[in-house]
Amino acid sequence: MRDWDSHDHWSPSERALFAATDETLATGTISQGTWDACAEHFPTERELIDVVATIGVWNMVSKVLITLGVPVEDMVESWPPDGKTPA
């Protein structure tokens, strides 16, 4: 989600998930501050494991699709439509 942090309509739990995703993709890990924010909204160990696993699985799926050159489905616009990619 590009520029999520510059919009205030996201809930605190969504913001924690976006931060965890950005950090995982950038550094391969989640900082303690972001981990603590996630734990406020997802208090069980199972939920926190789900956060990490979901980020990891979707990252893996996207890499596999890109590597295999799987095309975007018909009638689906390629992302991002404005041509601006995330930093």
C-alpha atoms as a PDB file:
ATOM      1  CA  MET A   1       0.000   0.000   0.000  1.00  0.00           C
ATOM      2  CA  ARG A   2       1.825   3.055  -1.255  1.00  0.00           C
ATOM      3  CA  ASP A   3       1.746   6.210   0.909  1.00  0.00           C
ATOM      4  CA  TRP A   4      -0.438   4.642   3.596  1.00  0.00           C
ATOM      5  CA  ASP A   5       1.356   6.613   6.294  1.00  0.00           C
ATOM      6  CA  SER A   6       0.392   9.972   4.782  1.00  0.00           C
ATOM      7  CA  HIS A   7      -3.355   9.274   5.057  1.00  0.00           C
ATOM      8  CA  ASP A   8      -5.170   9.353   8.371  1.00  0.00           C
ATOM      9  CA  HIS A   9      -8.202   7.263   7.445  1.00  0.00           C
ATOM     10  CA  TRP A  10      -6.493   3.969   8.389  1.00  0.00           C
ATOM     11  CA  SER A  11      -7.235   2.436  11.783  1.00  0.00           C
ATOM     12  CA  PRO A  12      -4.417   1.902  14.284  1.00  0.00           C
ATOM     13  CA  SER A  13      -4.498  -1.854  13.635  1.00  0.00           C
ATOM     14  CA  GLU A  14      -4.266  -1.327   9.868  1.00  0.00           C
ATOM     15  CA  ARG A  15      -1.386   1.110  10.341  1.00  0.00           C
ATOM     16  CA  ALA A  16       0.459  -1.442  12.482  1.00  0.00           C
ATOM     17  CA  LEU A  17       0.008  -4.103   9.790  1.00  0.00           C
ATOM     18  CA  PHE A  18       1.155  -1.753   7.014  1.00  0.00           C
ATOM     19  CA  ALA A  19       4.247  -0.798   9.033  1.00  0.00           C
ATOM     20  CA  ALA A  20       5.029  -4.468   9.724  1.00  0.00           C
ATOM     21  CA  THR A  21       4.688  -5.253   6.028  1.00  0.00           C
ATOM     22  CA  ASP A  22       6.882  -2.351   4.919  1.00  0.00           C
ATOM     23  CA  GLU A  23       9.587  -3.236   7.442  1.00  0.00           C
ATOM     24  CA  THR A  24       9.544  -6.916   6.548  1.00  0.00           C
ATOM     25  CA  LEU A  25       9.868  -6.167   2.843  1.00  0.00           C
ATOM     26  CA  ALA A  26      12.611  -3.586   3.414  1.00  0.00           C
ATOM     27  CA  THR A  27      14.723  -5.325   6.057  1.00  0.00           C
ATOM     28  CA  GLY A  28      13.406  -8.859   6.473  1.00  0.00           C
ATOM     29  CA  THR A  29      12.288  -8.186  10.037  1.00  0.00           C
ATOM     30  CA  ILE A  30       9.836  -6.178  12.136  1.00  0.00           C
ATOM     31  CA  SER A  31      11.212  -3.561  14.532  1.00  0.00           C
ATOM     32  CA  GLN A  32      10.410  -3.804  18.226  1.00  0.00           C
ATOM     33  CA  GLY A  33       8.245  -0.665  18.095  1.00  0.00           C
ATOM     34  CA  THR A  34       6.147  -2.010  15.238  1.00  0.00           C
ATOM     35  CA  TRP A  35       5.988  -5.436  16.860  1.00  0.00           C
ATOM     36  CA  ASP A  36       4.667  -3.774  20.033  1.00  0.00           C
ATOM     37  CA  ALA A  37       2.066  -1.868  17.979  1.00  0.00           C
ATOM     38  CA  CYS A  38       0.943  -5.109  16.349  1.00  0.00           C
ATOM     39  CA  ALA A  39       0.733  -6.814  19.749  1.00  0.00           C
ATOM     40  CA  GLU A  40      -1.643  -4.087  20.977  1.00  0.00           C
ATOM     41  CA  HIS A  41      -4.143  -5.027  18.273  1.00  0.00           C
ATOM     42  CA  PHE A  42      -3.339  -8.706  17.840  1.00  0.00           C
ATOM     43  CA  PRO A  43      -2.647  -9.799  21.420  1.00  0.00           C
ATOM     44  CA  THR A  44      -2.350 -13.567  21.069  1.00  0.00           C
ATOM     45  CA  GLU A  45       0.742 -15.417  19.945  1.00  0.00           C
ATOM     46  CA  ARG A  46      -1.322 -17.088  17.216  1.00  0.00           C
ATOM     47  CA  GLU A  47      -2.429 -13.725  15.806  1.00  0.00           C
ATOM     48  CA  LEU A  48       1.125 -12.387  15.765  1.00  0.00           C
ATOM     49  CA  ILE A  49       2.361 -15.520  14.017  1.00  0.00           C
ATOM     50  CA  ASP A  50      -0.445 -15.026  11.469  1.00  0.00           C
ATOM     51  CA  VAL A  51       0.747 -11.456  10.844  1.00  0.00           C
ATOM     52  CA  VAL A  52       4.284 -12.606  10.081  1.00  0.00           C
ATOM     53  CA  ALA A  53       3.183 -15.654   8.086  1.00  0.00           C
ATOM     54  CA  THR A  54       0.711 -13.688   5.980  1.00  0.00           C
ATOM     55  CA  ILE A  55       3.306 -11.066   5.077  1.00  0.00           C
ATOM     56  CA  GLY A  56       5.791 -13.794   4.196  1.00  0.00           C
ATOM     57  CA  VAL A  57       3.415 -15.925   2.150  1.00  0.00           C
ATOM     58  CA  TRP A  58       2.092 -13.048   0.052  1.00  0.00           C
ATOM     59  CA  ASN A  59       5.638 -11.824  -0.540  1.00  0.00           C
ATOM     60  CA  MET A  60       6.595 -15.316  -1.710  1.00  0.00           C
ATOM     61  CA  VAL A  61       3.529 -15.628  -3.960  1.00  0.00           C
ATOM     62  CA  SER A  62       4.250 -12.271  -5.589  1.00  0.00           C
ATOM     63  CA  LYS A  63       7.875 -13.249  -6.256  1.00  0.00           C
ATOM     64  CA  VAL A  64       6.830 -16.589  -7.785  1.00  0.00           C
ATOM     65  CA  LEU A  65       4.277 -14.925 -10.068  1.00  0.00           C
ATOM     66  CA  ILE A  66       6.760 -12.278 -11.170  1.00  0.00           C
ATOM     67  CA  THR A  67       9.548 -14.813 -11.740  1.00  0.00           C
ATOM     68  CA  LEU A  68       7.304 -17.102 -13.780  1.00  0.00           C
ATOM     69  CA  GLY A  69       5.979 -14.168 -15.781  1.00  0.00           C
ATOM     70  CA  VAL A  70       2.360 -14.911 -14.933  1.00  0.00           C
ATOM     71  CA  PRO A  71       0.335 -12.223 -16.712  1.00  0.00           C
ATOM     72  CA  VAL A  72      -2.330 -10.105 -15.096  1.00  0.00           C
ATOM     73  CA  GLU A  73      -5.772 -11.584 -15.752  1.00  0.00           C
ATOM     74  CA  ASP A  74      -7.857 -10.221 -18.608  1.00  0.00           C
ATOM     75  CA  MET A  75     -10.002  -7.258 -17.593  1.00  0.00           C
ATOM     76  CA  VAL A  76      -7.658  -6.405 -14.695  1.00  0.00           C
ATOM     77  CA  GLU A  77      -5.635  -3.221 -14.920  1.00  0.00           C
ATOM     78  CA  SER A  78      -1.943  -3.570 -14.211  1.00  0.00           C
ATOM     79  CA  TRP A  79      -0.788  -2.033 -10.936  1.00  0.00           C
ATOM     80  CA  PRO A  80      -0.073   0.763 -10.326  1.00  0.00           C
ATOM     81  CA  PRO A  81      -2.438   2.466 -12.744  1.00  0.00           C
ATOM     82  CA  ASP A  82      -0.726   5.834 -12.288  1.00  0.00           C
ATOM     83  CA  GLY A  83       2.679   4.326 -13.065  1.00  0.00           C
ATOM     84  CA  LYS A  84       4.171   5.357  -9.698  1.00  0.00           C
ATOM     85  CA  THR A  85       5.732   2.455  -7.858  1.00  0.00           C
ATOM     86  CA  PRO A  86       6.435   2.304  -4.110  1.00  0.00           C
ATOM     87  CA  ALA A  87       9.710   3.709  -2.872  1.00  0.00           C
END
